[in-house]
Amino acid sequence: MAFESDWTGLKSEAEQDTVTSPKVGFQRRAKYLSSHDLQLRRESDPILDVLPRSFQPEYLQVRREVRQGLVAGLEKTLRWQNVTWKDQPRKMNPDFHENDLDHVLGLIKWCNLIEREYPALYAEITGEDRSVWHELLTMIIVHDVGEIGTGDVVLTNQGTLDGIRKKKLEPRWAKYALHKSLPREQAQKIIPIYNRFEVPADNDRVALIAKLMDKAQASGHVARNIIAYNLDKQDYVQFEFRNNLPITLKPGARLMELCRSEEAARQLQSFLQEHVLDHFDALEIDDIEYLRGEVRDKFPVIFGYGTNLSERDAFVISE
């Protein structure tokens, strides 16, 4: 049972199966995978607490032990560890700490926010089909399952040999864990949803908004808690503007191209402005205008969608 408190069985099975399971990396995390030092929540489930009521019965169909193990694994997977640039550690807000459970809970809350305050965007994504929204929530819950086995790898470290290995291992580990944890019927439903997130189809609105929210939350943290503490490292700041920010905006730009109503596009732009762009806009750096211009040129669909939106001159809203 993969998502239960004792991971020893999964570890042993995975190491025996070199074709379908991720072998590399388990030794490094063996102590974590078999530990019992975290008291599992027996009565409360933080994921259940933030899910909309309409999705709770479907979520509760997953056995309690599996849900508890998932929560425990996500909670113990720390994010933003060993953030480096050119092999040098980056300074970070000392009060900022996050694990994968915090991340998932934050994304579910964003889903609730979109449903409540961005109704045209919600309708664009779902076509008013509630089951489509439930697919998004499922996708959010499981999208970082692989990091329980590999650990989180920040963007600046993904080009290293260790980062490349972990990112390749992550989806294999996730699918193996889901397959071993869930009854066949549930696994056959959830694993394809996980795959849709990993490699979003060009017209998959659900996967695109999930990818966008995943990257947007991380980018907001990067701007507020890392870049803001490394403003003296110009090459690093430029890297984040030219690499991190475009990676975040790319699924948003494609989703905006798919929008069938201008109001949905307007609400998507508003979401991006508030939750991503304003954080970068607030950074006090000398070449901010030049970097903004580069971003605008890469994503004209975001910064000039329709007459009214182009008049807004987004991304300088704080000035």
Protein backbone atom coordinates (compact mmCIF):
# COMPACT_ATOMS: atom_id res chain seq x y z
CA MET A 1 0.00 0.00 0.00
CA ALA A 2 1.92 3.03 -1.20
CA PHE A 3 0.19 5.84 0.65
CA GLU A 4 0.23 4.31 4.11
CA SER A 5 2.45 5.18 7.03
CA ASP A 6 4.96 2.37 6.38
CA TRP A 7 6.50 2.77 2.93
CA THR A 8 8.90 -0.16 3.30
CA GLY A 9 6.80 -2.52 1.21
CA LEU A 10 6.57 -0.08 -1.70
CA LYS A 11 10.28 0.59 -1.51
CA SER A 12 11.12 -3.12 -1.69
CA GLU A 13 8.72 -3.79 -4.55
CA ALA A 14 9.92 -0.79 -6.50
CA GLU A 15 13.57 -1.75 -6.20
CA GLN A 16 12.78 -5.25 -7.46
CA ASP A 17 10.93 -3.94 -10.51
CA THR A 18 13.51 -2.15 -12.63
CA VAL A 19 11.26 -1.83 -15.68
CA THR A 20 8.08 -0.20 -14.40
CA SER A 21 9.24 1.34 -11.16
CA PRO A 22 11.75 4.03 -10.22
CA LYS A 23 14.80 2.45 -8.64
CA VAL A 24 17.18 5.39 -8.63
CA GLY A 25 16.80 7.65 -5.64
CA PHE A 26 15.11 5.34 -3.16
CA GLN A 27 18.30 4.74 -1.18
CA ARG A 28 18.67 8.46 -0.52
CA ARG A 29 15.12 8.70 0.80
CA ALA A 30 14.91 5.29 2.50
CA LYS A 31 14.93 6.77 5.99
CA TYR A 32 12.09 9.09 5.10
CA LEU A 33 10.04 6.49 3.27
CA SER A 34 10.00 4.06 6.19
CA SER A 35 9.74 6.56 9.05
CA HIS A 36 6.91 6.72 11.57
CA ASP A 37 7.90 9.93 13.30
CA LEU A 38 4.99 11.91 11.86
CA GLN A 39 1.72 11.31 13.69
CA LEU A 40 -0.83 10.74 10.94
CA ARG A 41 -4.02 12.69 11.18
CA ARG A 42 -6.63 10.14 12.25
CA GLU A 43 -9.67 12.33 12.57
CA SER A 44 -9.02 15.33 10.31
CA ASP A 45 -7.93 15.62 6.70
CA PRO A 46 -6.61 19.06 5.67
CA ILE A 47 -7.31 18.34 1.99
CA LEU A 48 -10.91 17.40 2.75
CA ASP A 49 -11.27 20.58 4.82
CA VAL A 50 -10.70 22.85 1.80
CA LEU A 51 -12.44 20.85 -0.93
CA PRO A 52 -15.81 22.05 -2.18
CA ARG A 53 -18.66 19.97 -0.82
CA SER A 54 -19.62 18.68 -4.26
CA PHE A 55 -16.26 16.89 -4.57
CA GLN A 56 -15.95 15.57 -1.02
CA PRO A 57 -17.94 12.32 -1.59
CA GLU A 58 -15.69 11.40 -4.54
CA TYR A 59 -12.54 12.17 -2.56
CA LEU A 60 -13.79 10.07 0.36
CA GLN A 61 -14.12 7.05 -1.92
CA VAL A 62 -10.35 6.71 -1.56
CA ARG A 63 -9.54 4.60 1.47
CA ARG A 64 -8.70 6.56 4.59
CA GLU A 65 -5.27 4.93 4.99
CA VAL A 66 -4.35 5.99 1.47
CA ARG A 67 -5.53 9.56 2.04
CA GLN A 68 -3.66 9.73 5.35
CA GLY A 69 -0.48 8.45 3.78
CA LEU A 70 -0.76 10.93 0.93
CA VAL A 71 -1.23 13.83 3.34
CA ALA A 72 1.74 12.65 5.43
CA GLY A 73 3.96 12.26 2.37
CA LEU A 74 3.09 15.69 0.98
CA GLU A 75 3.57 17.29 4.39
CA LYS A 76 7.05 15.84 4.77
CA THR A 77 8.18 16.88 1.29
CA LEU A 78 9.82 20.26 1.77
CA ARG A 79 9.94 22.76 -1.06
CA TRP A 80 12.60 25.35 -1.82
CA GLN A 81 15.50 23.31 -0.47
CA ASN A 82 19.03 24.07 -1.69
CA VAL A 83 18.09 26.97 -3.96
CA THR A 84 21.26 27.80 -5.85
CA TRP A 85 22.39 29.85 -8.84
CA LYS A 86 25.63 28.93 -10.60
CA ASP A 87 26.43 26.59 -7.71
CA GLN A 88 26.04 29.38 -5.16
CA PRO A 89 23.19 29.37 -2.60
CA ARG A 90 20.55 32.06 -2.95
CA LYS A 91 19.39 34.15 -0.02
CA MET A 92 15.77 33.60 0.98
CA ASN A 93 13.17 35.12 3.28
CA PRO A 94 14.03 33.41 6.59
CA ASP A 95 10.36 33.31 7.57
CA PHE A 96 9.27 31.52 4.39
CA HIS A 97 8.70 27.78 4.63
CA GLU A 98 6.53 25.54 2.46
CA ASN A 99 5.92 21.84 1.91
CA ASP A 100 4.00 20.07 -0.83
CA LEU A 101 0.87 19.87 1.32
CA ASP A 102 0.89 23.68 1.73
CA HIS A 103 1.26 23.93 -2.04
CA VAL A 104 -1.66 21.59 -2.80
CA LEU A 105 -3.93 23.27 -0.26
CA GLY A 106 -3.09 26.66 -1.73
CA LEU A 107 -3.98 25.49 -5.24
CA ILE A 108 -7.29 24.02 -4.09
CA LYS A 109 -8.10 27.37 -2.49
CA TRP A 110 -7.30 29.05 -5.81
CA CYS A 111 -9.75 26.67 -7.50
CA ASN A 112 -12.38 27.77 -5.00
CA LEU A 113 -11.45 31.40 -5.68
CA ILE A 114 -11.85 31.00 -9.44
CA GLU A 115 -15.24 29.34 -9.02
CA ARG A 116 -16.39 32.14 -6.71
CA GLU A 117 -14.83 35.29 -8.18
CA TYR A 118 -13.97 34.45 -11.81
CA PRO A 119 -17.25 32.94 -13.08
CA ALA A 120 -16.56 33.46 -16.79
CA LEU A 121 -13.17 31.76 -16.48
CA TYR A 122 -14.78 28.92 -14.52
CA ALA A 123 -17.40 28.48 -17.26
CA GLU A 124 -14.68 28.59 -19.94
CA ILE A 125 -12.76 25.76 -18.29
CA THR A 126 -15.69 23.54 -17.36
CA GLY A 127 -18.34 24.28 -19.96
CA GLU A 128 -20.64 24.35 -16.92
CA ASP A 129 -19.94 20.63 -16.38
CA ARG A 130 -19.22 20.11 -12.70
CA SER A 131 -17.44 16.80 -13.31
CA VAL A 132 -14.79 18.68 -15.30
CA TRP A 133 -14.03 20.82 -12.23
CA HIS A 134 -13.71 17.62 -10.20
CA GLU A 135 -11.08 16.42 -12.69
CA LEU A 136 -9.15 19.63 -12.01
CA LEU A 137 -9.32 19.08 -8.25
CA THR A 138 -8.12 15.49 -8.68
CA MET A 139 -5.27 16.73 -10.86
CA ILE A 140 -4.25 19.28 -8.23
CA ILE A 141 -4.28 16.71 -5.42
CA VAL A 142 -2.04 14.18 -7.21
CA HIS A 143 0.18 16.39 -9.38
CA ASP A 144 3.12 16.35 -6.92
CA VAL A 145 2.81 12.74 -5.78
CA GLY A 146 6.10 11.93 -7.49
CA GLU A 147 7.94 14.43 -5.32
CA ILE A 148 7.16 12.30 -2.27
CA GLY A 149 9.67 9.85 -3.71
CA THR A 150 12.16 12.21 -5.33
CA GLY A 151 11.93 15.47 -3.42
CA ASP A 152 11.22 18.90 -4.90
CA VAL A 153 13.63 20.28 -7.50
CA VAL A 154 13.62 24.07 -7.92
CA LEU A 155 13.92 25.54 -11.42
CA THR A 156 17.50 26.76 -11.04
CA ASN A 157 18.60 23.21 -10.14
CA GLN A 158 16.70 21.35 -12.85
CA GLY A 159 19.58 21.66 -15.30
CA THR A 160 22.03 19.83 -13.03
CA LEU A 161 22.65 16.10 -13.44
CA ASP A 162 20.92 15.39 -10.14
CA GLY A 163 17.99 17.64 -11.05
CA ILE A 164 17.56 16.03 -14.47
CA ARG A 165 17.60 12.56 -12.91
CA LYS A 166 15.02 13.46 -10.31
CA LYS A 167 12.67 15.13 -12.79
CA LYS A 168 12.80 12.04 -15.02
CA LEU A 169 12.17 9.78 -12.05
CA GLU A 170 9.27 11.80 -10.64
CA PRO A 171 6.45 10.72 -13.01
CA ARG A 172 7.56 7.08 -12.91
CA TRP A 173 7.51 7.13 -9.14
CA ALA A 174 4.10 8.84 -9.08
CA LYS A 175 2.43 6.34 -11.41
CA TYR A 176 3.95 3.41 -9.60
CA ALA A 177 2.76 4.75 -6.23
CA LEU A 178 -0.74 5.46 -7.52
CA HIS A 179 -0.94 2.03 -9.11
CA LYS A 180 0.13 0.31 -5.88
CA SER A 181 -2.05 2.46 -3.62
CA LEU A 182 -5.39 2.47 -5.37
CA PRO A 183 -7.89 -0.16 -6.45
CA ARG A 184 -7.68 -0.86 -10.15
CA GLU A 185 -10.78 1.15 -11.05
CA GLN A 186 -9.57 4.25 -9.18
CA ALA A 187 -6.04 3.93 -10.56
CA GLN A 188 -7.38 3.65 -14.11
CA LYS A 189 -9.23 6.92 -13.60
CA ILE A 190 -6.61 8.92 -11.69
CA ILE A 191 -3.36 7.98 -13.47
CA PRO A 192 -4.57 9.34 -16.85
CA ILE A 193 -5.53 12.59 -15.08
CA TYR A 194 -2.01 12.74 -13.65
CA ASN A 195 -0.59 12.13 -17.15
CA ARG A 196 -2.66 15.00 -18.54
CA PHE A 197 -1.00 17.36 -16.08
CA GLU A 198 2.49 16.10 -16.84
CA VAL A 199 2.13 16.67 -20.58
CA PRO A 200 -0.84 19.00 -21.18
CA ALA A 201 -2.50 18.70 -24.57
CA ASP A 202 -2.65 21.97 -26.47
CA ASN A 203 -6.43 22.20 -26.08
CA ASP A 204 -6.84 20.68 -22.59
CA ARG A 205 -8.23 23.61 -20.61
CA VAL A 206 -8.20 21.68 -17.34
CA ALA A 207 -4.54 20.70 -17.62
CA LEU A 208 -3.57 24.18 -18.78
CA ILE A 209 -5.21 25.96 -15.83
CA ALA A 210 -3.72 23.38 -13.43
CA LYS A 211 -0.25 23.91 -14.91
CA LEU A 212 -0.72 27.65 -14.81
CA MET A 213 -1.78 27.70 -11.15
CA ASP A 214 1.07 25.34 -10.18
CA LYS A 215 3.66 27.59 -11.82
CA ALA A 216 1.96 30.83 -10.78
CA GLN A 217 2.02 29.99 -7.09
CA ALA A 218 5.69 29.06 -7.29
CA SER A 219 6.56 32.20 -9.28
CA GLY A 220 4.83 34.39 -6.71
CA HIS A 221 6.92 32.82 -3.98
CA VAL A 222 10.08 33.23 -6.04
CA ALA A 223 9.43 36.94 -6.58
CA ARG A 224 8.49 37.73 -2.96
CA ASN A 225 10.77 35.40 -1.05
CA ILE A 226 13.85 34.80 -3.22
CA ILE A 227 14.36 37.42 -5.94
CA ALA A 228 13.56 40.23 -3.50
CA TYR A 229 16.44 39.01 -1.30
CA ASN A 230 18.92 38.74 -4.20
CA LEU A 231 18.46 42.01 -6.05
CA ASP A 232 22.22 42.54 -6.06
CA LYS A 233 22.62 39.48 -8.33
CA GLN A 234 21.59 40.97 -11.66
CA ASP A 235 22.24 37.83 -13.72
CA TYR A 236 20.06 35.78 -11.37
CA VAL A 237 17.22 38.32 -11.47
CA GLN A 238 17.38 38.36 -15.27
CA PHE A 239 17.28 34.56 -15.33
CA GLU A 240 14.06 34.52 -13.31
CA PHE A 241 12.41 37.11 -15.58
CA ARG A 242 13.57 35.41 -18.78
CA ASN A 243 13.04 31.78 -17.76
CA ASN A 244 10.84 31.35 -14.68
CA LEU A 245 8.23 33.93 -15.64
CA PRO A 246 7.81 32.74 -19.26
CA ILE A 247 7.46 29.13 -18.10
CA THR A 248 4.64 30.32 -15.86
CA LEU A 249 2.92 32.43 -18.50
CA LYS A 250 3.10 29.92 -21.35
CA PRO A 251 0.08 27.78 -20.31
CA GLY A 252 -1.81 30.98 -19.48
CA ALA A 253 -1.16 32.35 -22.96
CA ARG A 254 -2.41 29.17 -24.59
CA LEU A 255 -5.49 29.11 -22.37
CA MET A 256 -6.21 32.71 -23.31
CA GLU A 257 -6.01 31.77 -26.99
CA LEU A 258 -8.65 29.11 -26.34
CA CYS A 259 -11.02 31.48 -24.54
CA ARG A 260 -14.34 31.71 -26.35
CA SER A 261 -15.44 34.86 -24.55
CA GLU A 262 -13.60 38.12 -23.98
CA GLU A 263 -14.86 38.21 -20.41
CA ALA A 264 -13.18 34.86 -19.69
CA ALA A 265 -9.95 36.19 -21.22
CA ARG A 266 -10.26 39.36 -19.18
CA GLN A 267 -10.71 37.39 -15.96
CA LEU A 268 -7.75 35.17 -16.81
CA GLN A 269 -5.58 38.22 -17.36
CA SER A 270 -6.80 39.69 -14.08
CA PHE A 271 -5.88 36.45 -12.30
CA LEU A 272 -2.40 36.49 -13.83
CA GLN A 273 -1.93 40.14 -12.98
CA GLU A 274 -2.88 39.76 -9.33
CA HIS A 275 -1.22 36.45 -8.57
CA VAL A 276 1.93 36.59 -10.72
CA LEU A 277 2.72 39.84 -12.50
CA ASP A 278 2.12 42.23 -9.63
CA HIS A 279 4.74 40.36 -7.58
CA PHE A 280 7.37 40.81 -10.29
CA ASP A 281 6.16 44.34 -10.96
CA ALA A 282 6.86 45.29 -7.34
CA LEU A 283 10.55 44.34 -7.50
CA GLU A 284 12.82 47.37 -7.24
CA ILE A 285 15.41 46.69 -9.92
CA ASP A 286 17.08 49.10 -12.33
CA ASP A 287 16.19 47.37 -15.61
CA ILE A 288 12.61 46.49 -14.71
CA GLU A 289 11.19 48.30 -17.76
CA TYR A 290 13.49 46.45 -20.14
CA LEU A 291 12.64 43.08 -18.60
CA ARG A 292 8.92 43.88 -18.65
CA GLY A 293 9.23 44.70 -22.32
CA GLU A 294 10.86 41.35 -23.05
CA VAL A 295 8.02 39.54 -21.31
CA ARG A 296 5.37 41.56 -23.15
CA ASP A 297 6.99 40.79 -26.50
CA LYS A 298 6.92 37.05 -25.79
CA PHE A 299 3.25 37.01 -24.78
CA PRO A 300 1.27 39.56 -26.81
CA VAL A 301 -1.89 37.53 -26.32
CA ILE A 302 -1.71 38.20 -22.58
CA PHE A 303 -0.78 41.88 -22.77
CA GLY A 304 -2.97 42.89 -25.71
CA TYR A 305 -6.03 40.67 -25.82
CA GLY A 306 -8.77 42.82 -27.38
CA THR A 307 -9.04 46.60 -27.47
CA ASN A 308 -10.12 47.09 -23.89
CA LEU A 309 -7.44 44.84 -22.46
CA SER A 310 -4.64 46.42 -24.48
CA GLU A 311 -5.72 49.83 -23.21
CA ARG A 312 -5.21 48.58 -19.69
CA ASP A 313 -1.44 48.29 -20.33
CA ALA A 314 -1.07 45.37 -17.95
CA PHE A 315 2.11 44.66 -16.00
CA VAL A 316 2.65 48.27 -15.04
CA ILE A 317 -0.45 48.39 -12.92
CA SER A 318 1.43 49.22 -9.73
CA GLU A 319 3.01 52.37 -11.13
